[in-house]
Amino acid sequence: MASLSIDLSISWENHDEFQRLLKNVDETQKAYQKALQELFEFKSDIQVVSGVKKGDYKTHE
């Protein structure tokens, strides 16, 4: 997994912007975790039917 390193110098002038960025990072991380959870819980409704003769088939999930 890639690693990201950021050097920041925070002054009073950019403190609000930094807080906004941290909030965006937190929201993005929560959305990513939610998407991973939904992907983990995903169950496909697709079924594949195969057979050699008409009426003689097997269902594969």
PDB file of N, CA and C in Angstrom:
ATOM      1  N   MET A   1       0.844  -1.165   0.000  1.00  0.00           N
ATOM      2  CA  MET A   1       0.000   0.000   0.000  1.00  0.00           C
ATOM      3  C   MET A   1       0.895   1.237   0.000  1.00  0.00           C
ATOM      4  N   ALA A   2       0.498   2.250  -0.711  1.00  0.00           N
ATOM      5  CA  ALA A   2       1.276   3.472  -0.816  1.00  0.00           C
ATOM      6  C   ALA A   2       1.222   4.257   0.484  1.00  0.00           C
ATOM      7  N   SER A   3       2.251   4.997   0.721  1.00  0.00           N
ATOM      8  CA  SER A   3       2.341   5.830   1.913  1.00  0.00           C
ATOM      9  C   SER A   3       2.444   7.279   1.468  1.00  0.00           C
ATOM     10  N   LEU A   4       1.767   8.168   2.192  1.00  0.00           N
ATOM     11  CA  LEU A   4       1.759   9.579   1.837  1.00  0.00           C
ATOM     12  C   LEU A   4       2.307  10.375   3.004  1.00  0.00           C
ATOM     13  N   SER A   5       3.239  11.241   2.726  1.00  0.00           N
ATOM     14  CA  SER A   5       3.828  12.081   3.754  1.00  0.00           C
ATOM     15  C   SER A   5       3.665  13.530   3.333  1.00  0.00           C
ATOM     16  N   ILE A   6       3.166  14.353   4.257  1.00  0.00           N
ATOM     17  CA  ILE A   6       2.952  15.764   3.963  1.00  0.00           C
ATOM     18  C   ILE A   6       3.590  16.589   5.072  1.00  0.00           C
ATOM     19  N   ASP A   7       4.409  17.555   4.696  1.00  0.00           N
ATOM     20  CA  ASP A   7       4.974  18.498   5.654  1.00  0.00           C
ATOM     21  C   ASP A   7       4.105  19.744   5.646  1.00  0.00           C
ATOM     22  N   LEU A   8       3.607  20.126   6.821  1.00  0.00           N
ATOM     23  CA  LEU A   8       2.720  21.281   6.906  1.00  0.00           C
ATOM     24  C   LEU A   8       3.265  22.311   7.882  1.00  0.00           C
ATOM     25  N   SER A   9       3.127  23.533   7.506  1.00  0.00           N
ATOM     26  CA  SER A   9       3.434  24.633   8.400  1.00  0.00           C
ATOM     27  C   SER A   9       2.123  25.367   8.626  1.00  0.00           C
ATOM     28  N   ILE A  10       1.646  25.348   9.863  1.00  0.00           N
ATOM     29  CA  ILE A  10       0.337  25.938  10.141  1.00  0.00           C
ATOM     30  C   ILE A  10       0.530  27.294  10.812  1.00  0.00           C
ATOM     31  N   SER A  11      -0.028  28.287  10.210  1.00  0.00           N
ATOM     32  CA  SER A  11      -0.024  29.620  10.802  1.00  0.00           C
ATOM     33  C   SER A  11      -1.468  29.987  11.106  1.00  0.00           C
ATOM     34  N   TRP A  12      -1.644  31.045  11.831  1.00  0.00           N
ATOM     35  CA  TRP A  12      -2.993  31.467  12.192  1.00  0.00           C
ATOM     36  C   TRP A  12      -3.829  31.743  10.948  1.00  0.00           C
ATOM     37  N   GLU A  13      -3.200  32.231   9.886  1.00  0.00           N
ATOM     38  CA  GLU A  13      -3.924  32.591   8.667  1.00  0.00           C
ATOM     39  C   GLU A  13      -4.511  31.360   7.957  1.00  0.00           C
ATOM     40  N   ASN A  14      -3.811  30.239   8.008  1.00  0.00           N
ATOM     41  CA  ASN A  14      -4.330  29.074   7.278  1.00  0.00           C
ATOM     42  C   ASN A  14      -4.900  28.009   8.228  1.00  0.00           C
ATOM     43  N   HIS A  15      -5.097  28.342   9.467  1.00  0.00           N
ATOM     44  CA  HIS A  15      -5.650  27.394  10.435  1.00  0.00           C
ATOM     45  C   HIS A  15      -7.054  26.912  10.019  1.00  0.00           C
ATOM     46  N   ASP A  16      -7.928  27.838   9.613  1.00  0.00           N
ATOM     47  CA  ASP A  16      -9.289  27.461   9.199  1.00  0.00           C
ATOM     48  C   ASP A  16      -9.272  26.560   7.968  1.00  0.00           C
ATOM     49  N   GLU A  17      -8.399  26.875   7.038  1.00  0.00           N
ATOM     50  CA  GLU A  17      -8.284  26.054   5.829  1.00  0.00           C
ATOM     51  C   GLU A  17      -7.780  24.654   6.191  1.00  0.00           C
ATOM     52  N   PHE A  18      -6.834  24.576   7.097  1.00  0.00           N
ATOM     53  CA  PHE A  18      -6.324  23.293   7.543  1.00  0.00           C
ATOM     54  C   PHE A  18      -7.420  22.470   8.213  1.00  0.00           C
ATOM     55  N   GLN A  19      -8.235  23.100   9.045  1.00  0.00           N
ATOM     56  CA  GLN A  19      -9.342  22.404   9.696  1.00  0.00           C
ATOM     57  C   GLN A  19     -10.343  21.882   8.667  1.00  0.00           C
ATOM     58  N   ARG A  20     -10.606  22.681   7.630  1.00  0.00           N
ATOM     59  CA  ARG A  20     -11.517  22.262   6.559  1.00  0.00           C
ATOM     60  C   ARG A  20     -10.948  21.050   5.822  1.00  0.00           C
ATOM     61  N   LEU A  21      -9.650  21.077   5.554  1.00  0.00           N
ATOM     62  CA  LEU A  21      -9.013  19.954   4.877  1.00  0.00           C
ATOM     63  C   LEU A  21      -9.066  18.689   5.729  1.00  0.00           C
ATOM     64  N   LEU A  22      -8.825  18.834   7.030  1.00  0.00           N
ATOM     65  CA  LEU A  22      -8.909  17.673   7.918  1.00  0.00           C
ATOM     66  C   LEU A  22     -10.322  17.097   7.939  1.00  0.00           C
ATOM     67  N   LYS A  23     -11.312  17.959   7.918  1.00  0.00           N
ATOM     68  CA  LYS A  23     -12.706  17.491   7.881  1.00  0.00           C
ATOM     69  C   LYS A  23     -12.969  16.737   6.580  1.00  0.00           C
ATOM     70  N   ASN A  24     -12.462  17.252   5.465  1.00  0.00           N
ATOM     71  CA  ASN A  24     -12.635  16.579   4.175  1.00  0.00           C
ATOM     72  C   ASN A  24     -11.967  15.212   4.173  1.00  0.00           C
ATOM     73  N   VAL A  25     -10.784  15.121   4.767  1.00  0.00           N
ATOM     74  CA  VAL A  25     -10.080  13.841   4.843  1.00  0.00           C
ATOM     75  C   VAL A  25     -10.893  12.850   5.671  1.00  0.00           C
ATOM     76  N   ASP A  26     -11.427  13.318   6.790  1.00  0.00           N
ATOM     77  CA  ASP A  26     -12.228  12.457   7.661  1.00  0.00           C
ATOM     78  C   ASP A  26     -13.482  11.961   6.936  1.00  0.00           C
ATOM     79  N   GLU A  27     -14.174  12.861   6.231  1.00  0.00           N
ATOM     80  CA  GLU A  27     -15.380  12.474   5.494  1.00  0.00           C
ATOM     81  C   GLU A  27     -15.050  11.483   4.381  1.00  0.00           C
ATOM     82  N   THR A  28     -13.942  11.709   3.692  1.00  0.00           N
ATOM     83  CA  THR A  28     -13.520  10.799   2.622  1.00  0.00           C
ATOM     84  C   THR A  28     -13.185   9.420   3.184  1.00  0.00           C
ATOM     85  N   GLN A  29     -12.500   9.396   4.309  1.00  0.00           N
ATOM     86  CA  GLN A  29     -12.147   8.124   4.935  1.00  0.00           C
ATOM     87  C   GLN A  29     -13.402   7.359   5.361  1.00  0.00           C
ATOM     88  N   LYS A  30     -14.387   8.058   5.918  1.00  0.00           N
ATOM     89  CA  LYS A  30     -15.638   7.402   6.319  1.00  0.00           C
ATOM     90  C   LYS A  30     -16.383   6.852   5.108  1.00  0.00           C
ATOM     91  N   ALA A  31     -16.422   7.627   4.019  1.00  0.00           N
ATOM     92  CA  ALA A  31     -17.091   7.167   2.798  1.00  0.00           C
ATOM     93  C   ALA A  31     -16.388   5.940   2.220  1.00  0.00           C
ATOM     94  N   TYR A  32     -15.066   5.935   2.254  1.00  0.00           N
ATOM     95  CA  TYR A  32     -14.280   4.800   1.760  1.00  0.00           C
ATOM     96  C   TYR A  32     -14.561   3.549   2.595  1.00  0.00           C
ATOM     97  N   GLN A  33     -14.581   3.701   3.916  1.00  0.00           N
ATOM     98  CA  GLN A  33     -14.862   2.568   4.796  1.00  0.00           C
ATOM     99  C   GLN A  33     -16.281   2.037   4.568  1.00  0.00           C
ATOM    100  N   LYS A  34     -17.240   2.938   4.356  1.00  0.00           N
ATOM    101  CA  LYS A  34     -18.621   2.521   4.093  1.00  0.00           C
ATOM    102  C   LYS A  34     -18.702   1.755   2.770  1.00  0.00           C
ATOM    103  N   ALA A  35     -18.001   2.244   1.749  1.00  0.00           N
ATOM    104  CA  ALA A  35     -18.004   1.568   0.449  1.00  0.00           C
ATOM    105  C   ALA A  35     -17.375   0.181   0.557  1.00  0.00           C
ATOM    106  N   LEU A  36     -16.292   0.064   1.313  1.00  0.00           N
ATOM    107  CA  LEU A  36     -15.677  -1.252   1.512  1.00  0.00           C
ATOM    108  C   LEU A  36     -16.625  -2.203   2.225  1.00  0.00           C
ATOM    109  N   GLN A  37     -17.335  -1.707   3.234  1.00  0.00           N
ATOM    110  CA  GLN A  37     -18.278  -2.538   3.976  1.00  0.00           C
ATOM    111  C   GLN A  37     -19.410  -3.010   3.061  1.00  0.00           C
ATOM    112  N   GLU A  38     -19.948  -2.106   2.248  1.00  0.00           N
ATOM    113  CA  GLU A  38     -21.020  -2.482   1.329  1.00  0.00           C
ATOM    114  C   GLU A  38     -20.523  -3.488   0.296  1.00  0.00           C
ATOM    115  N   LEU A  39     -19.307  -3.330  -0.174  1.00  0.00           N
ATOM    116  CA  LEU A  39     -18.738  -4.285  -1.115  1.00  0.00           C
ATOM    117  C   LEU A  39     -18.579  -5.652  -0.463  1.00  0.00           C
ATOM    118  N   PHE A  40     -18.143  -5.671   0.788  1.00  0.00           N
ATOM    119  CA  PHE A  40     -17.971  -6.917   1.520  1.00  0.00           C
ATOM    120  C   PHE A  40     -19.310  -7.638   1.699  1.00  0.00           C
ATOM    121  N   GLU A  41     -20.391  -6.861   1.917  1.00  0.00           N
ATOM    122  CA  GLU A  41     -21.718  -7.440   2.156  1.00  0.00           C
ATOM    123  C   GLU A  41     -22.490  -7.723   0.867  1.00  0.00           C
ATOM    124  N   PHE A  42     -21.945  -7.346  -0.289  1.00  0.00           N
ATOM    125  CA  PHE A  42     -22.645  -7.505  -1.566  1.00  0.00           C
ATOM    126  C   PHE A  42     -22.863  -8.974  -1.892  1.00  0.00           C
ATOM    127  N   LYS A  43     -24.095  -9.287  -2.259  1.00  0.00           N
ATOM    128  CA  LYS A  43     -24.437 -10.643  -2.695  1.00  0.00           C
ATOM    129  C   LYS A  43     -25.106 -10.520  -4.066  1.00  0.00           C
ATOM    130  N   SER A  44     -24.531 -11.175  -5.019  1.00  0.00           N
ATOM    131  CA  SER A  44     -25.029 -11.101  -6.383  1.00  0.00           C
ATOM    132  C   SER A  44     -26.339 -11.875  -6.537  1.00  0.00           C
ATOM    133  N   ASP A  45     -27.255 -11.316  -7.311  1.00  0.00           N
ATOM    134  CA  ASP A  45     -28.516 -11.994  -7.625  1.00  0.00           C
ATOM    135  C   ASP A  45     -28.424 -12.717  -8.972  1.00  0.00           C
ATOM    136  N   ILE A  46     -27.268 -12.741  -9.573  1.00  0.00           N
ATOM    137  CA  ILE A  46     -27.094 -13.354 -10.887  1.00  0.00           C
ATOM    138  C   ILE A  46     -26.914 -14.864 -10.737  1.00  0.00           C
ATOM    139  N   GLN A  47     -27.642 -15.618 -11.559  1.00  0.00           N
ATOM    140  CA  GLN A  47     -27.509 -17.065 -11.592  1.00  0.00           C
ATOM    141  C   GLN A  47     -27.198 -17.488 -13.021  1.00  0.00           C
ATOM    142  N   VAL A  48     -26.314 -18.443 -13.147  1.00  0.00           N
ATOM    143  CA  VAL A  48     -25.954 -18.980 -14.458  1.00  0.00           C
ATOM    144  C   VAL A  48     -26.597 -20.350 -14.589  1.00  0.00           C
ATOM    145  N   VAL A  49     -27.309 -20.547 -15.681  1.00  0.00           N
ATOM    146  CA  VAL A  49     -27.986 -21.820 -15.917  1.00  0.00           C
ATOM    147  C   VAL A  49     -27.297 -22.500 -17.088  1.00  0.00           C
ATOM    148  N   SER A  50     -26.926 -23.763 -16.884  1.00  0.00           N
ATOM    149  CA  SER A  50     -26.288 -24.506 -17.973  1.00  0.00           C
ATOM    150  C   SER A  50     -26.948 -25.870 -18.103  1.00  0.00           C
ATOM    151  N   GLY A  51     -26.930 -26.401 -19.279  1.00  0.00           N
ATOM    152  CA  GLY A  51     -27.515 -27.715 -19.512  1.00  0.00           C
ATOM    153  C   GLY A  51     -27.181 -28.223 -20.891  1.00  0.00           C
ATOM    154  N   VAL A  52     -27.288 -29.526 -21.050  1.00  0.00           N
ATOM    155  CA  VAL A  52     -26.987 -30.135 -22.334  1.00  0.00           C
ATOM    156  C   VAL A  52     -28.266 -30.321 -23.137  1.00  0.00           C
ATOM    157  N   LYS A  53     -29.304 -30.797 -22.458  1.00  0.00           N
ATOM    158  CA  LYS A  53     -30.583 -31.019 -23.133  1.00  0.00           C
ATOM    159  C   LYS A  53     -31.621 -30.053 -22.578  1.00  0.00           C
ATOM    160  N   LYS A  54     -32.653 -29.833 -23.363  1.00  0.00           N
ATOM    161  CA  LYS A  54     -33.741 -28.972 -22.933  1.00  0.00           C
ATOM    162  C   LYS A  54     -34.395 -29.582 -21.693  1.00  0.00           C
ATOM    163  N   GLY A  55     -34.563 -28.769 -20.649  1.00  0.00           N
ATOM    164  CA  GLY A  55     -35.181 -29.246 -19.424  1.00  0.00           C
ATOM    165  C   GLY A  55     -34.193 -29.867 -18.443  1.00  0.00           C
ATOM    166  N   ASP A  56     -32.981 -30.130 -18.895  1.00  0.00           N
ATOM    167  CA  ASP A  56     -31.956 -30.713 -18.026  1.00  0.00           C
ATOM    168  C   ASP A  56     -30.916 -29.631 -17.762  1.00  0.00           C
ATOM    169  N   TYR A  57     -31.026 -28.952 -16.624  1.00  0.00           N
ATOM    170  CA  TYR A  57     -30.114 -27.846 -16.349  1.00  0.00           C
ATOM    171  C   TYR A  57     -29.670 -27.848 -14.896  1.00  0.00           C
ATOM    172  N   LYS A  58     -28.593 -27.161 -14.681  1.00  0.00           N
ATOM    173  CA  LYS A  58     -28.062 -26.976 -13.326  1.00  0.00           C
ATOM    174  C   LYS A  58     -27.969 -25.466 -13.074  1.00  0.00           C
ATOM    175  N   THR A  59     -28.182 -25.090 -11.835  1.00  0.00           N
ATOM    176  CA  THR A  59     -28.078 -23.689 -11.455  1.00  0.00           C
ATOM    177  C   THR A  59     -26.767 -23.470 -10.730  1.00  0.00           C
ATOM    178  N   HIS A  60     -26.031 -22.481 -11.140  1.00  0.00           N
ATOM    179  CA  HIS A  60     -24.760 -22.120 -10.515  1.00  0.00           C
ATOM    180  C   HIS A  60     -24.882 -20.717  -9.951  1.00  0.00           C
ATOM    181  N   GLU A  61     -24.439 -20.519  -8.716  1.00  0.00           N
ATOM    182  CA  GLU A  61     -24.493 -19.176  -8.118  1.00  0.00           C
ATOM    183  C   GLU A  61     -23.095 -18.665  -7.917  1.00  0.00           C
TER     184      GLU A  61
END
